[in-house]
Amino acid sequence: MRIQFKKMYLLRIEGFVFQSFDDQKLCSLKFQSLGLFFSDSTKLCGYAFSGDIGHLNHPNCYKIFVPSLQLLNLLVNGTVDPNNRIEFGVLRQSETHLFLKHPQVTYL
């Protein structure tokens, strides 16, 4: 599977609030930026990771999604060279035990 993007910010959601106003549902997020993936044709996989996210635009310029297991694997392990992988553990996305239903192995 090949995914095309120019920049994809990686955030950890720390809290959210849903509000409804006249048939519009709004969500306020509190998050911490972990970095971003960006297109890089010099890399074998076509992208690279950076902890420096640079300039952020107005929130209306962004979309938020929950990745599929396949895309989550790309985000977590995509920049780790398969020849040098060391199994690190299982990704726990929340404080519940739901992660055990579909464990996502992470590598260093």
N, C-alpha and C. Protein backbone atom coordinates (compact mmCIF):
# COMPACT_ATOMS: atom_id res chain seq x y z
N MET A 1 0.84 -1.18 0.00
CA MET A 1 0.00 0.00 0.00
C MET A 1 0.89 1.24 0.00
N ARG A 2 0.64 2.16 -0.90
CA ARG A 2 1.41 3.40 -1.00
C ARG A 2 0.52 4.56 -0.59
N ILE A 3 0.95 5.35 0.36
CA ILE A 3 0.17 6.47 0.85
C ILE A 3 0.84 7.76 0.40
N GLN A 4 0.06 8.66 -0.17
CA GLN A 4 0.58 9.93 -0.67
C GLN A 4 0.21 11.06 0.28
N PHE A 5 1.17 11.82 0.72
CA PHE A 5 0.92 13.01 1.53
C PHE A 5 2.15 13.90 1.47
N LYS A 6 1.96 15.19 1.75
CA LYS A 6 3.09 16.12 1.82
C LYS A 6 3.56 16.27 3.25
N LYS A 7 2.60 16.47 4.16
CA LYS A 7 2.90 16.57 5.59
C LYS A 7 1.79 15.89 6.37
N MET A 8 2.17 15.15 7.40
CA MET A 8 1.20 14.55 8.29
C MET A 8 1.71 14.73 9.71
N TYR A 9 0.97 15.52 10.50
CA TYR A 9 1.37 15.78 11.88
C TYR A 9 0.97 14.61 12.76
N LEU A 10 1.83 14.28 13.69
CA LEU A 10 1.56 13.20 14.63
C LEU A 10 1.33 13.83 16.00
N LEU A 11 0.11 13.67 16.54
CA LEU A 11 -0.28 14.31 17.79
C LEU A 11 -0.71 13.26 18.80
N ARG A 12 -0.53 13.58 20.07
CA ARG A 12 -1.10 12.76 21.14
C ARG A 12 -2.25 13.57 21.73
N ILE A 13 -3.47 13.03 21.60
CA ILE A 13 -4.65 13.70 22.12
C ILE A 13 -4.70 13.50 23.62
N GLU A 14 -4.75 14.59 24.36
CA GLU A 14 -4.77 14.53 25.82
C GLU A 14 -6.17 14.74 26.38
N GLY A 15 -7.06 15.31 25.60
CA GLY A 15 -8.42 15.53 26.06
C GLY A 15 -9.25 16.16 24.96
N PHE A 16 -10.55 16.01 25.05
CA PHE A 16 -11.43 16.60 24.05
C PHE A 16 -12.78 16.89 24.67
N VAL A 17 -13.51 17.83 24.06
CA VAL A 17 -14.84 18.22 24.51
C VAL A 17 -15.71 18.35 23.27
N PHE A 18 -16.87 17.68 23.28
CA PHE A 18 -17.83 17.82 22.18
C PHE A 18 -18.90 18.84 22.59
N GLN A 19 -19.28 19.69 21.64
CA GLN A 19 -20.33 20.67 21.87
C GLN A 19 -21.23 20.68 20.65
N SER A 20 -22.52 20.92 20.85
CA SER A 20 -23.47 21.02 19.74
C SER A 20 -24.12 22.39 19.75
N PHE A 21 -24.12 23.04 18.58
CA PHE A 21 -24.74 24.35 18.41
C PHE A 21 -25.52 24.34 17.10
N ASP A 22 -26.84 24.43 17.17
CA ASP A 22 -27.68 24.53 15.97
C ASP A 22 -27.31 23.50 14.91
N ASP A 23 -27.38 22.25 15.25
CA ASP A 23 -27.11 21.13 14.34
C ASP A 23 -25.64 21.03 13.90
N GLN A 24 -24.76 21.75 14.54
CA GLN A 24 -23.33 21.62 14.25
C GLN A 24 -22.65 21.03 15.46
N LYS A 25 -21.84 20.03 15.22
CA LYS A 25 -21.09 19.42 16.31
C LYS A 25 -19.65 19.90 16.23
N LEU A 26 -19.19 20.47 17.32
CA LEU A 26 -17.82 20.97 17.39
C LEU A 26 -17.05 20.17 18.41
N CYS A 27 -15.76 20.06 18.19
CA CYS A 27 -14.91 19.33 19.13
C CYS A 27 -13.68 20.18 19.42
N SER A 28 -13.38 20.37 20.69
CA SER A 28 -12.16 21.07 21.10
C SER A 28 -11.17 20.02 21.58
N LEU A 29 -9.95 20.11 21.10
CA LEU A 29 -8.92 19.14 21.46
C LEU A 29 -7.81 19.79 22.26
N LYS A 30 -7.29 19.04 23.20
CA LYS A 30 -6.05 19.41 23.86
C LYS A 30 -5.05 18.34 23.43
N PHE A 31 -3.95 18.76 22.82
CA PHE A 31 -3.02 17.77 22.28
C PHE A 31 -1.58 18.19 22.49
N GLN A 32 -0.70 17.24 22.29
CA GLN A 32 0.74 17.49 22.31
C GLN A 32 1.30 17.03 20.98
N SER A 33 2.09 17.85 20.35
CA SER A 33 2.68 17.49 19.07
C SER A 33 3.90 16.60 19.27
N LEU A 34 3.91 15.47 18.58
CA LEU A 34 5.04 14.55 18.65
C LEU A 34 6.00 14.75 17.48
N GLY A 35 5.53 15.38 16.41
CA GLY A 35 6.36 15.61 15.24
C GLY A 35 5.53 15.51 13.98
N LEU A 36 6.20 15.32 12.85
CA LEU A 36 5.48 15.18 11.59
C LEU A 36 6.24 14.28 10.63
N PHE A 37 5.47 13.64 9.75
CA PHE A 37 6.03 12.90 8.62
C PHE A 37 5.92 13.82 7.42
N PHE A 38 6.93 13.82 6.56
CA PHE A 38 6.90 14.67 5.38
C PHE A 38 7.51 13.93 4.19
N SER A 39 7.10 14.32 3.00
CA SER A 39 7.61 13.70 1.77
C SER A 39 9.10 13.96 1.66
N ASP A 40 9.86 12.91 1.32
CA ASP A 40 11.31 13.03 1.14
C ASP A 40 11.74 12.00 0.11
N SER A 41 11.96 12.47 -1.11
CA SER A 41 12.29 11.56 -2.20
C SER A 41 13.66 10.90 -2.05
N THR A 42 14.51 11.42 -1.15
CA THR A 42 15.82 10.81 -0.95
C THR A 42 15.75 9.56 -0.09
N LYS A 43 14.63 9.36 0.61
CA LYS A 43 14.46 8.19 1.46
C LYS A 43 13.88 7.04 0.66
N LEU A 44 14.25 5.83 1.01
CA LEU A 44 13.79 4.64 0.31
C LEU A 44 12.27 4.52 0.34
N CYS A 45 11.65 4.83 1.47
CA CYS A 45 10.20 4.70 1.60
C CYS A 45 9.46 5.95 1.10
N GLY A 46 10.17 7.04 0.79
CA GLY A 46 9.56 8.25 0.25
C GLY A 46 9.12 9.27 1.27
N TYR A 47 9.38 9.05 2.54
CA TYR A 47 9.02 10.01 3.57
C TYR A 47 10.03 9.93 4.71
N ALA A 48 10.00 10.93 5.59
CA ALA A 48 10.90 10.99 6.75
C ALA A 48 10.12 11.57 7.93
N PHE A 49 10.69 11.46 9.12
CA PHE A 49 10.06 11.97 10.33
C PHE A 49 10.91 13.09 10.91
N SER A 50 10.24 14.11 11.46
CA SER A 50 10.93 15.21 12.11
C SER A 50 10.20 15.59 13.39
N GLY A 51 10.95 15.84 14.45
CA GLY A 51 10.37 16.32 15.69
C GLY A 51 10.06 17.81 15.65
N ASP A 52 10.63 18.52 14.67
CA ASP A 52 10.40 19.96 14.51
C ASP A 52 9.27 20.15 13.52
N ILE A 53 8.11 20.61 14.00
CA ILE A 53 6.95 20.70 13.11
C ILE A 53 6.87 22.01 12.35
N GLY A 54 7.66 22.99 12.75
CA GLY A 54 7.65 24.26 12.03
C GLY A 54 6.38 25.06 12.27
N HIS A 55 5.96 25.85 11.28
CA HIS A 55 4.83 26.76 11.38
C HIS A 55 3.51 26.00 11.31
N LEU A 56 2.58 26.32 12.21
CA LEU A 56 1.23 25.74 12.18
C LEU A 56 0.26 26.77 11.62
N ASN A 57 -0.69 26.30 10.82
CA ASN A 57 -1.73 27.15 10.27
C ASN A 57 -2.94 27.18 11.19
N HIS A 58 -3.97 27.92 10.79
CA HIS A 58 -5.22 27.98 11.52
C HIS A 58 -5.84 26.58 11.60
N PRO A 59 -6.51 26.24 12.71
CA PRO A 59 -7.09 24.89 12.86
C PRO A 59 -8.03 24.47 11.73
N ASN A 60 -8.67 25.42 11.05
CA ASN A 60 -9.56 25.06 9.94
C ASN A 60 -8.81 24.43 8.77
N CYS A 61 -7.49 24.53 8.75
CA CYS A 61 -6.70 24.00 7.64
C CYS A 61 -6.40 22.51 7.79
N TYR A 62 -6.78 21.91 8.91
CA TYR A 62 -6.39 20.53 9.19
C TYR A 62 -7.60 19.62 9.32
N LYS A 63 -7.36 18.35 9.10
CA LYS A 63 -8.37 17.32 9.32
C LYS A 63 -7.79 16.30 10.28
N ILE A 64 -8.64 15.71 11.10
CA ILE A 64 -8.20 14.72 12.08
C ILE A 64 -8.83 13.39 11.70
N PHE A 65 -8.08 12.32 11.78
CA PHE A 65 -8.61 11.00 11.50
C PHE A 65 -7.97 9.99 12.43
N VAL A 66 -8.63 8.88 12.57
CA VAL A 66 -8.09 7.76 13.34
C VAL A 66 -7.57 6.76 12.33
N PRO A 67 -6.29 6.44 12.37
CA PRO A 67 -5.72 5.57 11.34
C PRO A 67 -6.17 4.12 11.48
N SER A 68 -6.23 3.43 10.34
CA SER A 68 -6.49 1.99 10.34
C SER A 68 -5.26 1.29 10.94
N LEU A 69 -5.37 0.01 11.22
CA LEU A 69 -4.23 -0.72 11.77
C LEU A 69 -3.04 -0.71 10.81
N GLN A 70 -3.33 -0.80 9.51
CA GLN A 70 -2.26 -0.78 8.51
C GLN A 70 -1.54 0.57 8.48
N LEU A 71 -2.31 1.66 8.53
CA LEU A 71 -1.70 2.99 8.53
C LEU A 71 -1.00 3.25 9.86
N LEU A 72 -1.57 2.78 10.96
CA LEU A 72 -0.93 2.93 12.26
C LEU A 72 0.44 2.25 12.27
N ASN A 73 0.51 1.07 11.66
CA ASN A 73 1.79 0.38 11.55
C ASN A 73 2.80 1.22 10.76
N LEU A 74 2.34 1.86 9.70
CA LEU A 74 3.22 2.73 8.92
C LEU A 74 3.70 3.91 9.76
N LEU A 75 2.80 4.52 10.52
CA LEU A 75 3.18 5.67 11.35
C LEU A 75 4.15 5.29 12.45
N VAL A 76 3.93 4.15 13.07
CA VAL A 76 4.75 3.73 14.22
C VAL A 76 6.07 3.13 13.77
N ASN A 77 6.04 2.29 12.74
CA ASN A 77 7.23 1.52 12.36
C ASN A 77 7.78 1.86 10.98
N GLY A 78 7.15 2.80 10.27
CA GLY A 78 7.52 3.06 8.88
C GLY A 78 8.92 3.59 8.66
N THR A 79 9.49 4.27 9.65
CA THR A 79 10.83 4.83 9.46
C THR A 79 11.93 3.92 10.03
N VAL A 80 11.53 2.76 10.54
CA VAL A 80 12.51 1.82 11.09
C VAL A 80 12.92 0.85 9.99
N ASP A 81 14.20 0.79 9.70
CA ASP A 81 14.72 -0.11 8.66
C ASP A 81 14.39 -1.56 9.03
N PRO A 82 13.67 -2.30 8.17
CA PRO A 82 13.30 -3.68 8.49
C PRO A 82 14.50 -4.59 8.80
N ASN A 83 15.67 -4.27 8.26
CA ASN A 83 16.86 -5.10 8.50
C ASN A 83 17.46 -4.89 9.89
N ASN A 84 17.09 -3.79 10.54
CA ASN A 84 17.68 -3.46 11.84
C ASN A 84 16.65 -3.39 12.96
N ARG A 85 15.49 -3.99 12.78
CA ARG A 85 14.42 -3.87 13.76
C ARG A 85 14.71 -4.66 15.04
N ILE A 86 14.39 -4.02 16.17
CA ILE A 86 14.42 -4.66 17.48
C ILE A 86 13.03 -4.49 18.06
N GLU A 87 12.37 -5.61 18.41
CA GLU A 87 11.02 -5.52 18.95
C GLU A 87 11.05 -4.80 20.29
N PHE A 88 10.27 -3.73 20.38
CA PHE A 88 10.26 -2.87 21.56
C PHE A 88 9.11 -3.19 22.50
N GLY A 89 7.97 -3.53 21.96
CA GLY A 89 6.80 -3.82 22.78
C GLY A 89 5.53 -3.65 21.98
N VAL A 90 4.41 -3.43 22.68
CA VAL A 90 3.11 -3.27 22.04
C VAL A 90 2.63 -1.85 22.28
N LEU A 91 2.12 -1.21 21.23
CA LEU A 91 1.61 0.16 21.32
C LEU A 91 0.30 0.18 22.10
N ARG A 92 0.25 0.97 23.14
CA ARG A 92 -0.97 1.14 23.95
C ARG A 92 -1.51 2.52 23.66
N GLN A 93 -2.63 2.59 22.92
CA GLN A 93 -3.16 3.87 22.45
C GLN A 93 -3.98 4.60 23.50
N SER A 94 -4.43 3.91 24.52
CA SER A 94 -5.21 4.55 25.57
C SER A 94 -4.97 3.82 26.88
N GLU A 95 -5.64 4.27 27.94
CA GLU A 95 -5.44 3.65 29.24
C GLU A 95 -6.29 2.39 29.43
N THR A 96 -7.12 2.05 28.44
CA THR A 96 -7.92 0.83 28.52
C THR A 96 -7.09 -0.36 28.04
N HIS A 97 -7.68 -1.53 28.08
CA HIS A 97 -6.99 -2.74 27.61
C HIS A 97 -7.47 -3.15 26.21
N LEU A 98 -8.11 -2.23 25.48
CA LEU A 98 -8.58 -2.53 24.12
C LEU A 98 -7.43 -2.84 23.17
N PHE A 99 -6.25 -2.33 23.47
CA PHE A 99 -5.10 -2.56 22.59
C PHE A 99 -4.74 -4.04 22.50
N LEU A 100 -5.18 -4.84 23.45
CA LEU A 100 -4.87 -6.27 23.44
C LEU A 100 -5.68 -7.03 22.41
N LYS A 101 -6.81 -6.44 21.93
CA LYS A 101 -7.60 -7.11 20.89
C LYS A 101 -6.86 -7.16 19.57
N HIS A 102 -6.15 -6.08 19.23
CA HIS A 102 -5.35 -5.99 17.99
C HIS A 102 -3.99 -5.41 18.37
N PRO A 103 -3.12 -6.21 18.99
CA PRO A 103 -1.82 -5.67 19.42
C PRO A 103 -0.99 -5.15 18.25
N GLN A 104 -0.43 -3.97 18.42
CA GLN A 104 0.39 -3.32 17.39
C GLN A 104 1.84 -3.35 17.89
N VAL A 105 2.66 -4.24 17.35
CA VAL A 105 4.05 -4.36 17.77
C VAL A 105 4.82 -3.13 17.30
N THR A 106 5.66 -2.59 18.16
CA THR A 106 6.51 -1.46 17.81
C THR A 106 7.96 -1.89 17.81
N TYR A 107 8.74 -1.25 16.98
CA TYR A 107 10.16 -1.59 16.83
C TYR A 107 11.04 -0.37 17.07
N LEU A 108 12.26 -0.61 17.46
CA LEU A 108 13.29 0.42 17.57
C LEU A 108 14.26 0.27 16.44
